[in-house]
Amino acid sequence: MLGSIIGAIVIGLILGVLARLILPGKQDIPLWLTIVVGIVAAFIGTYIARLFHVDQTSGFDWIKHITQLIVAIIGIALVAGIYSRRGVKS
């Protein structure tokens, strides 16, 4: 159980940081939120890969991981936009 929690945090961190590096501009969100978005992206990306029956391939699951990264990029972009607006008063 503890190993899977730590594994989810590590995967979330990797996906979140990669997504932030790929996105142009600065994403002004905290590290903990980057990890949470990455974890959620990993679950959603895996679900999408399962829908298309590409979650289990021979060797490294490139399609699944690319799908997870795309979901993480979209998630970081959305969360960064929402998070940056919450401090702005009109």
PDB file of N, CA and C in Angstrom:
ATOM      1  N   MET A   1       0.826  -1.197   0.000  1.00  0.00           N
ATOM      2  CA  MET A   1       0.000   0.000   0.000  1.00  0.00           C
ATOM      3  C   MET A   1       0.867   1.255   0.000  1.00  0.00           C
ATOM      4  N   LEU A   2       1.841   1.325   0.896  1.00  0.00           N
ATOM      5  CA  LEU A   2       2.711   2.495   0.969  1.00  0.00           C
ATOM      6  C   LEU A   2       3.525   2.648  -0.312  1.00  0.00           C
ATOM      7  N   GLY A   3       3.946   1.517  -0.878  1.00  0.00           N
ATOM      8  CA  GLY A   3       4.701   1.560  -2.131  1.00  0.00           C
ATOM      9  C   GLY A   3       3.886   2.121  -3.268  1.00  0.00           C
ATOM     10  N   SER A   4       2.598   1.788  -3.314  1.00  0.00           N
ATOM     11  CA  SER A   4       1.761   2.310  -4.396  1.00  0.00           C
ATOM     12  C   SER A   4       1.471   3.801  -4.208  1.00  0.00           C
ATOM     13  N   ILE A   5       1.376   4.250  -2.971  1.00  0.00           N
ATOM     14  CA  ILE A   5       1.171   5.679  -2.712  1.00  0.00           C
ATOM     15  C   ILE A   5       2.417   6.460  -3.107  1.00  0.00           C
ATOM     16  N   ILE A   6       3.576   5.958  -2.712  1.00  0.00           N
ATOM     17  CA  ILE A   6       4.831   6.617  -3.077  1.00  0.00           C
ATOM     18  C   ILE A   6       5.018   6.577  -4.589  1.00  0.00           C
ATOM     19  N   GLY A   7       4.687   5.448  -5.200  1.00  0.00           N
ATOM     20  CA  GLY A   7       4.776   5.336  -6.656  1.00  0.00           C
ATOM     21  C   GLY A   7       3.876   6.337  -7.366  1.00  0.00           C
ATOM     22  N   ALA A   8       2.659   6.519  -6.853  1.00  0.00           N
ATOM     23  CA  ALA A   8       1.725   7.485  -7.448  1.00  0.00           C
ATOM     24  C   ALA A   8       2.265   8.900  -7.318  1.00  0.00           C
ATOM     25  N   ILE A   9       2.871   9.209  -6.182  1.00  0.00           N
ATOM     26  CA  ILE A   9       3.446  10.543  -5.978  1.00  0.00           C
ATOM     27  C   ILE A   9       4.613  10.778  -6.943  1.00  0.00           C
ATOM     28  N   VAL A  10       5.470   9.765  -7.102  1.00  0.00           N
ATOM     29  CA  VAL A  10       6.618   9.901  -8.005  1.00  0.00           C
ATOM     30  C   VAL A  10       6.151  10.063  -9.452  1.00  0.00           C
ATOM     31  N   ILE A  11       5.205   9.230  -9.890  1.00  0.00           N
ATOM     32  CA  ILE A  11       4.676   9.335 -11.257  1.00  0.00           C
ATOM     33  C   ILE A  11       3.983  10.683 -11.438  1.00  0.00           C
ATOM     34  N   GLY A  12       3.226  11.116 -10.455  1.00  0.00           N
ATOM     35  CA  GLY A  12       2.561  12.416 -10.531  1.00  0.00           C
ATOM     36  C   GLY A  12       3.556  13.552 -10.637  1.00  0.00           C
ATOM     37  N   LEU A  13       4.633  13.463  -9.872  1.00  0.00           N
ATOM     38  CA  LEU A  13       5.672  14.488  -9.934  1.00  0.00           C
ATOM     39  C   LEU A  13       6.323  14.521 -11.315  1.00  0.00           C
ATOM     40  N   ILE A  14       6.674  13.354 -11.833  1.00  0.00           N
ATOM     41  CA  ILE A  14       7.318  13.279 -13.153  1.00  0.00           C
ATOM     42  C   ILE A  14       6.396  13.824 -14.236  1.00  0.00           C
ATOM     43  N   LEU A  15       5.142  13.367 -14.264  1.00  0.00           N
ATOM     44  CA  LEU A  15       4.206  13.839 -15.287  1.00  0.00           C
ATOM     45  C   LEU A  15       3.938  15.337 -15.159  1.00  0.00           C
ATOM     46  N   GLY A  16       3.742  15.803 -13.938  1.00  0.00           N
ATOM     47  CA  GLY A  16       3.466  17.217 -13.723  1.00  0.00           C
ATOM     48  C   GLY A  16       4.622  18.110 -14.129  1.00  0.00           C
ATOM     49  N   VAL A  17       5.829  17.719 -13.745  1.00  0.00           N
ATOM     50  CA  VAL A  17       7.007  18.524 -14.086  1.00  0.00           C
ATOM     51  C   VAL A  17       7.248  18.509 -15.593  1.00  0.00           C
ATOM     52  N   LEU A  18       7.115  17.348 -16.230  1.00  0.00           N
ATOM     53  CA  LEU A  18       7.270  17.290 -17.690  1.00  0.00           C
ATOM     54  C   LEU A  18       6.240  18.169 -18.389  1.00  0.00           C
ATOM     55  N   ALA A  19       5.004  18.127 -17.911  1.00  0.00           N
ATOM     56  CA  ALA A  19       3.951  18.955 -18.506  1.00  0.00           C
ATOM     57  C   ALA A  19       4.282  20.432 -18.363  1.00  0.00           C
ATOM     58  N   ARG A  20       4.779  20.824 -17.198  1.00  0.00           N
ATOM     59  CA  ARG A  20       5.143  22.234 -16.981  1.00  0.00           C
ATOM     60  C   ARG A  20       6.311  22.647 -17.862  1.00  0.00           C
ATOM     61  N   LEU A  21       7.246  21.738 -18.108  1.00  0.00           N
ATOM     62  CA  LEU A  21       8.378  22.043 -18.976  1.00  0.00           C
ATOM     63  C   LEU A  21       7.947  22.195 -20.438  1.00  0.00           C
ATOM     64  N   ILE A  22       6.973  21.403 -20.851  1.00  0.00           N
ATOM     65  CA  ILE A  22       6.509  21.431 -22.240  1.00  0.00           C
ATOM     66  C   ILE A  22       5.640  22.661 -22.506  1.00  0.00           C
ATOM     67  N   LEU A  23       4.830  23.038 -21.535  1.00  0.00           N
ATOM     68  CA  LEU A  23       3.948  24.199 -21.715  1.00  0.00           C
ATOM     69  C   LEU A  23       4.760  25.482 -21.811  1.00  0.00           C
ATOM     70  N   PRO A  24       4.395  26.375 -22.741  1.00  0.00           N
ATOM     71  CA  PRO A  24       5.110  27.654 -22.817  1.00  0.00           C
ATOM     72  C   PRO A  24       4.691  28.575 -21.674  1.00  0.00           C
ATOM     73  N   GLY A  25       5.576  29.469 -21.308  1.00  0.00           N
ATOM     74  CA  GLY A  25       5.261  30.430 -20.253  1.00  0.00           C
ATOM     75  C   GLY A  25       5.461  29.845 -18.871  1.00  0.00           C
ATOM     76  N   LYS A  26       5.102  30.652 -17.877  1.00  0.00           N
ATOM     77  CA  LYS A  26       5.262  30.241 -16.480  1.00  0.00           C
ATOM     78  C   LYS A  26       3.921  29.790 -15.918  1.00  0.00           C
ATOM     79  N   GLN A  27       3.921  28.646 -15.301  1.00  0.00           N
ATOM     80  CA  GLN A  27       2.727  28.151 -14.620  1.00  0.00           C
ATOM     81  C   GLN A  27       2.941  28.410 -13.135  1.00  0.00           C
ATOM     82  N   ASP A  28       2.226  29.389 -12.624  1.00  0.00           N
ATOM     83  CA  ASP A  28       2.417  29.820 -11.240  1.00  0.00           C
ATOM     84  C   ASP A  28       1.526  28.997 -10.303  1.00  0.00           C
ATOM     85  N   ILE A  29       1.862  27.709 -10.183  1.00  0.00           N
ATOM     86  CA  ILE A  29       1.127  26.826  -9.275  1.00  0.00           C
ATOM     87  C   ILE A  29       2.139  26.127  -8.371  1.00  0.00           C
ATOM     88  N   PRO A  30       1.730  25.769  -7.165  1.00  0.00           N
ATOM     89  CA  PRO A  30       2.664  25.116  -6.234  1.00  0.00           C
ATOM     90  C   PRO A  30       2.994  23.682  -6.656  1.00  0.00           C
ATOM     91  N   LEU A  31       4.089  23.173  -6.125  1.00  0.00           N
ATOM     92  CA  LEU A  31       4.543  21.826  -6.452  1.00  0.00           C
ATOM     93  C   LEU A  31       3.503  20.782  -6.070  1.00  0.00           C
ATOM     94  N   TRP A  32       2.854  20.950  -4.922  1.00  0.00           N
ATOM     95  CA  TRP A  32       1.872  19.947  -4.496  1.00  0.00           C
ATOM     96  C   TRP A  32       0.731  19.844  -5.504  1.00  0.00           C
ATOM     97  N   LEU A  33       0.333  20.976  -6.097  1.00  0.00           N
ATOM     98  CA  LEU A  33      -0.738  20.956  -7.084  1.00  0.00           C
ATOM     99  C   LEU A  33      -0.261  20.315  -8.391  1.00  0.00           C
ATOM    100  N   THR A  34       1.005  20.523  -8.733  1.00  0.00           N
ATOM    101  CA  THR A  34       1.597  19.872  -9.901  1.00  0.00           C
ATOM    102  C   THR A  34       1.554  18.360  -9.733  1.00  0.00           C
ATOM    103  N   ILE A  35       1.885  17.879  -8.541  1.00  0.00           N
ATOM    104  CA  ILE A  35       1.872  16.438  -8.262  1.00  0.00           C
ATOM    105  C   ILE A  35       0.452  15.893  -8.340  1.00  0.00           C
ATOM    106  N   VAL A  36      -0.511  16.600  -7.756  1.00  0.00           N
ATOM    107  CA  VAL A  36      -1.905  16.140  -7.777  1.00  0.00           C
ATOM    108  C   VAL A  36      -2.415  16.050  -9.219  1.00  0.00           C
ATOM    109  N   VAL A  37      -2.135  17.071 -10.014  1.00  0.00           N
ATOM    110  CA  VAL A  37      -2.561  17.047 -11.421  1.00  0.00           C
ATOM    111  C   VAL A  37      -1.889  15.883 -12.147  1.00  0.00           C
ATOM    112  N   GLY A  38      -0.618  15.643 -11.870  1.00  0.00           N
ATOM    113  CA  GLY A  38       0.096  14.524 -12.486  1.00  0.00           C
ATOM    114  C   GLY A  38      -0.490  13.173 -12.111  1.00  0.00           C
ATOM    115  N   ILE A  39      -0.869  13.009 -10.851  1.00  0.00           N
ATOM    116  CA  ILE A  39      -1.476  11.748 -10.404  1.00  0.00           C
ATOM    117  C   ILE A  39      -2.822  11.534 -11.100  1.00  0.00           C
ATOM    118  N   VAL A  40      -3.636  12.565 -11.124  1.00  0.00           N
ATOM    119  CA  VAL A  40      -4.945  12.470 -11.791  1.00  0.00           C
ATOM    120  C   VAL A  40      -4.752  12.185 -13.276  1.00  0.00           C
ATOM    121  N   ALA A  41      -3.773  12.841 -13.890  1.00  0.00           N
ATOM    122  CA  ALA A  41      -3.493  12.619 -15.313  1.00  0.00           C
ATOM    123  C   ALA A  41      -3.066  11.179 -15.577  1.00  0.00           C
ATOM    124  N   ALA A  42      -2.308  10.598 -14.656  1.00  0.00           N
ATOM    125  CA  ALA A  42      -1.889   9.205 -14.824  1.00  0.00           C
ATOM    126  C   ALA A  42      -3.099   8.271 -14.837  1.00  0.00           C
ATOM    127  N   PHE A  43      -4.043   8.507 -13.928  1.00  0.00           N
ATOM    128  CA  PHE A  43      -5.245   7.668 -13.892  1.00  0.00           C
ATOM    129  C   PHE A  43      -6.112   7.870 -15.137  1.00  0.00           C
ATOM    130  N   ILE A  44      -6.330   9.115 -15.511  1.00  0.00           N
ATOM    131  CA  ILE A  44      -7.170   9.396 -16.679  1.00  0.00           C
ATOM    132  C   ILE A  44      -6.498   8.887 -17.954  1.00  0.00           C
ATOM    133  N   GLY A  45      -5.189   9.110 -18.080  1.00  0.00           N
ATOM    134  CA  GLY A  45      -4.460   8.627 -19.252  1.00  0.00           C
ATOM    135  C   GLY A  45      -4.495   7.114 -19.382  1.00  0.00           C
ATOM    136  N   THR A  46      -4.371   6.425 -18.254  1.00  0.00           N
ATOM    137  CA  THR A  46      -4.458   4.962 -18.268  1.00  0.00           C
ATOM    138  C   THR A  46      -5.852   4.511 -18.671  1.00  0.00           C
ATOM    139  N   TYR A  47      -6.867   5.199 -18.167  1.00  0.00           N
ATOM    140  CA  TYR A  47      -8.250   4.865 -18.526  1.00  0.00           C
ATOM    141  C   TYR A  47      -8.473   5.040 -20.022  1.00  0.00           C
ATOM    142  N   ILE A  48      -7.996   6.148 -20.584  1.00  0.00           N
ATOM    143  CA  ILE A  48      -8.146   6.388 -22.023  1.00  0.00           C
ATOM    144  C   ILE A  48      -7.406   5.318 -22.821  1.00  0.00           C
ATOM    145  N   ALA A  49      -6.198   4.961 -22.388  1.00  0.00           N
ATOM    146  CA  ALA A  49      -5.433   3.913 -23.078  1.00  0.00           C
ATOM    147  C   ALA A  49      -6.170   2.577 -23.031  1.00  0.00           C
ATOM    148  N   ARG A  50      -6.828   2.295 -21.911  1.00  0.00           N
ATOM    149  CA  ARG A  50      -7.606   1.054 -21.810  1.00  0.00           C
ATOM    150  C   ARG A  50      -8.806   1.064 -22.746  1.00  0.00           C
ATOM    151  N   LEU A  51      -9.434   2.232 -22.902  1.00  0.00           N
ATOM    152  CA  LEU A  51     -10.578   2.332 -23.818  1.00  0.00           C
ATOM    153  C   LEU A  51     -10.185   1.958 -25.243  1.00  0.00           C
ATOM    154  N   PHE A  52      -8.962   2.319 -25.625  1.00  0.00           N
ATOM    155  CA  PHE A  52      -8.477   2.031 -26.972  1.00  0.00           C
ATOM    156  C   PHE A  52      -7.629   0.767 -27.041  1.00  0.00           C
ATOM    157  N   HIS A  53      -7.586   0.015 -25.942  1.00  0.00           N
ATOM    158  CA  HIS A  53      -6.865  -1.260 -25.853  1.00  0.00           C
ATOM    159  C   HIS A  53      -5.383  -1.114 -26.190  1.00  0.00           C
ATOM    160  N   VAL A  54      -4.759  -0.031 -25.738  1.00  0.00           N
ATOM    161  CA  VAL A  54      -3.331   0.172 -25.953  1.00  0.00           C
ATOM    162  C   VAL A  54      -2.584   0.319 -24.626  1.00  0.00           C
ATOM    163  N   ASP A  55      -3.217  -0.111 -23.531  1.00  0.00           N
ATOM    164  CA  ASP A  55      -2.577   0.033 -22.223  1.00  0.00           C
ATOM    165  C   ASP A  55      -1.549  -1.055 -21.960  1.00  0.00           C
ATOM    166  N   GLN A  56      -1.653  -2.185 -22.615  1.00  0.00           N
ATOM    167  CA  GLN A  56      -0.715  -3.289 -22.441  1.00  0.00           C
ATOM    168  C   GLN A  56      -0.103  -3.640 -23.789  1.00  0.00           C
ATOM    169  N   THR A  57       1.086  -3.146 -24.021  1.00  0.00           N
ATOM    170  CA  THR A  57       1.789  -3.462 -25.261  1.00  0.00           C
ATOM    171  C   THR A  57       3.067  -4.195 -24.911  1.00  0.00           C
ATOM    172  N   SER A  58       3.676  -4.792 -25.899  1.00  0.00           N
ATOM    173  CA  SER A  58       4.937  -5.479 -25.618  1.00  0.00           C
ATOM    174  C   SER A  58       6.024  -4.431 -25.422  1.00  0.00           C
ATOM    175  N   GLY A  59       6.836  -4.627 -24.416  1.00  0.00           N
ATOM    176  CA  GLY A  59       7.879  -3.656 -24.107  1.00  0.00           C
ATOM    177  C   GLY A  59       7.325  -2.495 -23.298  1.00  0.00           C
ATOM    178  N   PHE A  60       7.918  -1.331 -23.488  1.00  0.00           N
ATOM    179  CA  PHE A  60       7.520  -0.127 -22.763  1.00  0.00           C
ATOM    180  C   PHE A  60       6.205   0.388 -23.338  1.00  0.00           C
ATOM    181  N   ASP A  61       5.280   0.767 -22.488  1.00  0.00           N
ATOM    182  CA  ASP A  61       3.953   1.220 -22.928  1.00  0.00           C
ATOM    183  C   ASP A  61       3.987   2.688 -23.354  1.00  0.00           C
ATOM    184  N   TRP A  62       4.609   2.948 -24.486  1.00  0.00           N
ATOM    185  CA  TRP A  62       4.783   4.322 -24.964  1.00  0.00           C
ATOM    186  C   TRP A  62       3.459   5.045 -25.162  1.00  0.00           C
ATOM    187  N   ILE A  63       2.501   4.371 -25.775  1.00  0.00           N
ATOM    188  CA  ILE A  63       1.230   5.028 -26.086  1.00  0.00           C
ATOM    189  C   ILE A  63       0.525   5.440 -24.797  1.00  0.00           C
ATOM    190  N   LYS A  64       0.524   4.565 -23.813  1.00  0.00           N
ATOM    191  CA  LYS A  64      -0.122   4.886 -22.534  1.00  0.00           C
ATOM    192  C   LYS A  64       0.561   6.074 -21.869  1.00  0.00           C
ATOM    193  N   HIS A  65       1.887   6.075 -21.856  1.00  0.00           N
ATOM    194  CA  HIS A  65       2.609   7.145 -21.177  1.00  0.00           C
ATOM    195  C   HIS A  65       2.495   8.479 -21.923  1.00  0.00           C
ATOM    196  N   ILE A  66       2.468   8.436 -23.222  1.00  0.00           N
ATOM    197  CA  ILE A  66       2.260   9.669 -23.998  1.00  0.00           C
ATOM    198  C   ILE A  66       0.852  10.199 -23.764  1.00  0.00           C
ATOM    199  N   THR A  67      -0.120   9.300 -23.678  1.00  0.00           N
ATOM    200  CA  THR A  67      -1.492   9.711 -23.372  1.00  0.00           C
ATOM    201  C   THR A  67      -1.556  10.361 -21.995  1.00  0.00           C
ATOM    202  N   GLN A  68      -0.892   9.775 -21.017  1.00  0.00           N
ATOM    203  CA  GLN A  68      -0.852  10.352 -19.675  1.00  0.00           C
ATOM    204  C   GLN A  68      -0.208  11.739 -19.699  1.00  0.00           C
ATOM    205  N   LEU A  69       0.865  11.897 -20.473  1.00  0.00           N
ATOM    206  CA  LEU A  69       1.547  13.183 -20.553  1.00  0.00           C
ATOM    207  C   LEU A  69       0.662  14.243 -21.219  1.00  0.00           C
ATOM    208  N   ILE A  70      -0.050  13.868 -22.257  1.00  0.00           N
ATOM    209  CA  ILE A  70      -0.964  14.806 -22.923  1.00  0.00           C
ATOM    210  C   ILE A  70      -2.057  15.261 -21.955  1.00  0.00           C
ATOM    211  N   VAL A  71      -2.600  14.320 -21.202  1.00  0.00           N
ATOM    212  CA  VAL A  71      -3.622  14.666 -20.203  1.00  0.00           C
ATOM    213  C   VAL A  71      -3.018  15.582 -19.133  1.00  0.00           C
ATOM    214  N   ALA A  72      -1.774  15.311 -18.733  1.00  0.00           N
ATOM    215  CA  ALA A  72      -1.107  16.153 -17.736  1.00  0.00           C
ATOM    216  C   ALA A  72      -0.890  17.570 -18.272  1.00  0.00           C
ATOM    217  N   ILE A  73      -0.513  17.693 -19.536  1.00  0.00           N
ATOM    218  CA  ILE A  73      -0.317  19.015 -20.139  1.00  0.00           C
ATOM    219  C   ILE A  73      -1.625  19.799 -20.128  1.00  0.00           C
ATOM    220  N   ILE A  74      -2.694  19.146 -20.535  1.00  0.00           N
ATOM    221  CA  ILE A  74      -4.007  19.799 -20.531  1.00  0.00           C
ATOM    222  C   ILE A  74      -4.407  20.177 -19.104  1.00  0.00           C
ATOM    223  N   GLY A  75      -4.188  19.256 -18.174  1.00  0.00           N
ATOM    224  CA  GLY A  75      -4.544  19.503 -16.769  1.00  0.00           C
ATOM    225  C   GLY A  75      -3.758  20.651 -16.166  1.00  0.00           C
ATOM    226  N   ILE A  76      -2.445  20.689 -16.395  1.00  0.00           N
ATOM    227  CA  ILE A  76      -1.619  21.773 -15.858  1.00  0.00           C
ATOM    228  C   ILE A  76      -2.046  23.107 -16.459  1.00  0.00           C
ATOM    229  N   ALA A  77      -2.328  23.129 -17.758  1.00  0.00           N
ATOM    230  CA  ALA A  77      -2.767  24.376 -18.407  1.00  0.00           C
ATOM    231  C   ALA A  77      -4.077  24.873 -17.789  1.00  0.00           C
ATOM    232  N   LEU A  78      -5.023  23.974 -17.590  1.00  0.00           N
ATOM    233  CA  LEU A  78      -6.309  24.363 -16.998  1.00  0.00           C
ATOM    234  C   LEU A  78      -6.148  24.834 -15.559  1.00  0.00           C
ATOM    235  N   VAL A  79      -5.422  24.065 -14.766  1.00  0.00           N
ATOM    236  CA  VAL A  79      -5.252  24.400 -13.353  1.00  0.00           C
ATOM    237  C   VAL A  79      -4.452  25.696 -13.197  1.00  0.00           C
ATOM    238  N   ALA A  80      -3.426  25.885 -14.007  1.00  0.00           N
ATOM    239  CA  ALA A  80      -2.630  27.117 -13.925  1.00  0.00           C
ATOM    240  C   ALA A  80      -3.489  28.334 -14.249  1.00  0.00           C
ATOM    241  N   GLY A  81      -4.362  28.210 -15.237  1.00  0.00           N
ATOM    242  CA  GLY A  81      -5.255  29.311 -15.578  1.00  0.00           C
ATOM    243  C   GLY A  81      -6.230  29.627 -14.459  1.00  0.00           C
ATOM    244  N   ILE A  82      -6.797  28.590 -13.878  1.00  0.00           N
ATOM    245  CA  ILE A  82      -7.755  28.785 -12.778  1.00  0.00           C
ATOM    246  C   ILE A  82      -7.037  29.304 -11.531  1.00  0.00           C
ATOM    247  N   TYR A  83      -5.879  28.718 -11.213  1.00  0.00           N
ATOM    248  CA  TYR A  83      -5.153  29.080  -9.999  1.00  0.00           C
ATOM    249  C   TYR A  83      -4.635  30.513 -10.058  1.00  0.00           C
ATOM    250  N   SER A  84      -4.189  30.936 -11.240  1.00  0.00           N
ATOM    251  CA  SER A  84      -3.656  32.299 -11.358  1.00  0.00           C
ATOM    252  C   SER A  84      -4.759  33.353 -11.280  1.00  0.00           C
ATOM    253  N   ARG A  85      -5.976  33.006 -11.670  1.00  0.00           N
ATOM    254  CA  ARG A  85      -7.091  33.953 -11.635  1.00  0.00           C
ATOM    255  C   ARG A  85      -7.711  34.098 -10.251  1.00  0.00           C
ATOM    256  N   ARG A  86      -7.466  33.159  -9.380  1.00  0.00           N
ATOM    257  CA  ARG A  86      -8.149  33.212  -8.086  1.00  0.00           C
ATOM    258  C   ARG A  86      -7.679  34.356  -7.218  1.00  0.00           C
ATOM    259  N   GLY A  87      -6.471  34.864  -7.438  1.00  0.00           N
ATOM    260  CA  GLY A  87      -5.973  35.983  -6.664  1.00  0.00           C
ATOM    261  C   GLY A  87      -6.267  37.336  -7.296  1.00  0.00           C
ATOM    262  N   VAL A  88      -6.786  37.330  -8.531  1.00  0.00           N
ATOM    263  CA  VAL A  88      -7.054  38.570  -9.256  1.00  0.00           C
ATOM    264  C   VAL A  88      -8.489  39.010  -8.983  1.00  0.00           C
ATOM    265  N   LYS A  89      -8.656  40.261  -8.526  1.00  0.00           N
ATOM    266  CA  LYS A  89      -9.994  40.810  -8.284  1.00  0.00           C
ATOM    267  C   LYS A  89     -10.282  41.861  -9.345  1.00  0.00           C
ATOM    268  N   SER A  90     -11.459  41.818  -9.942  1.00  0.00           N
ATOM    269  CA  SER A  90     -11.824  42.807 -10.966  1.00  0.00           C
ATOM    270  C   SER A  90     -12.567  43.957 -10.363  1.00  0.00           C
TER     271      SER A  90
END
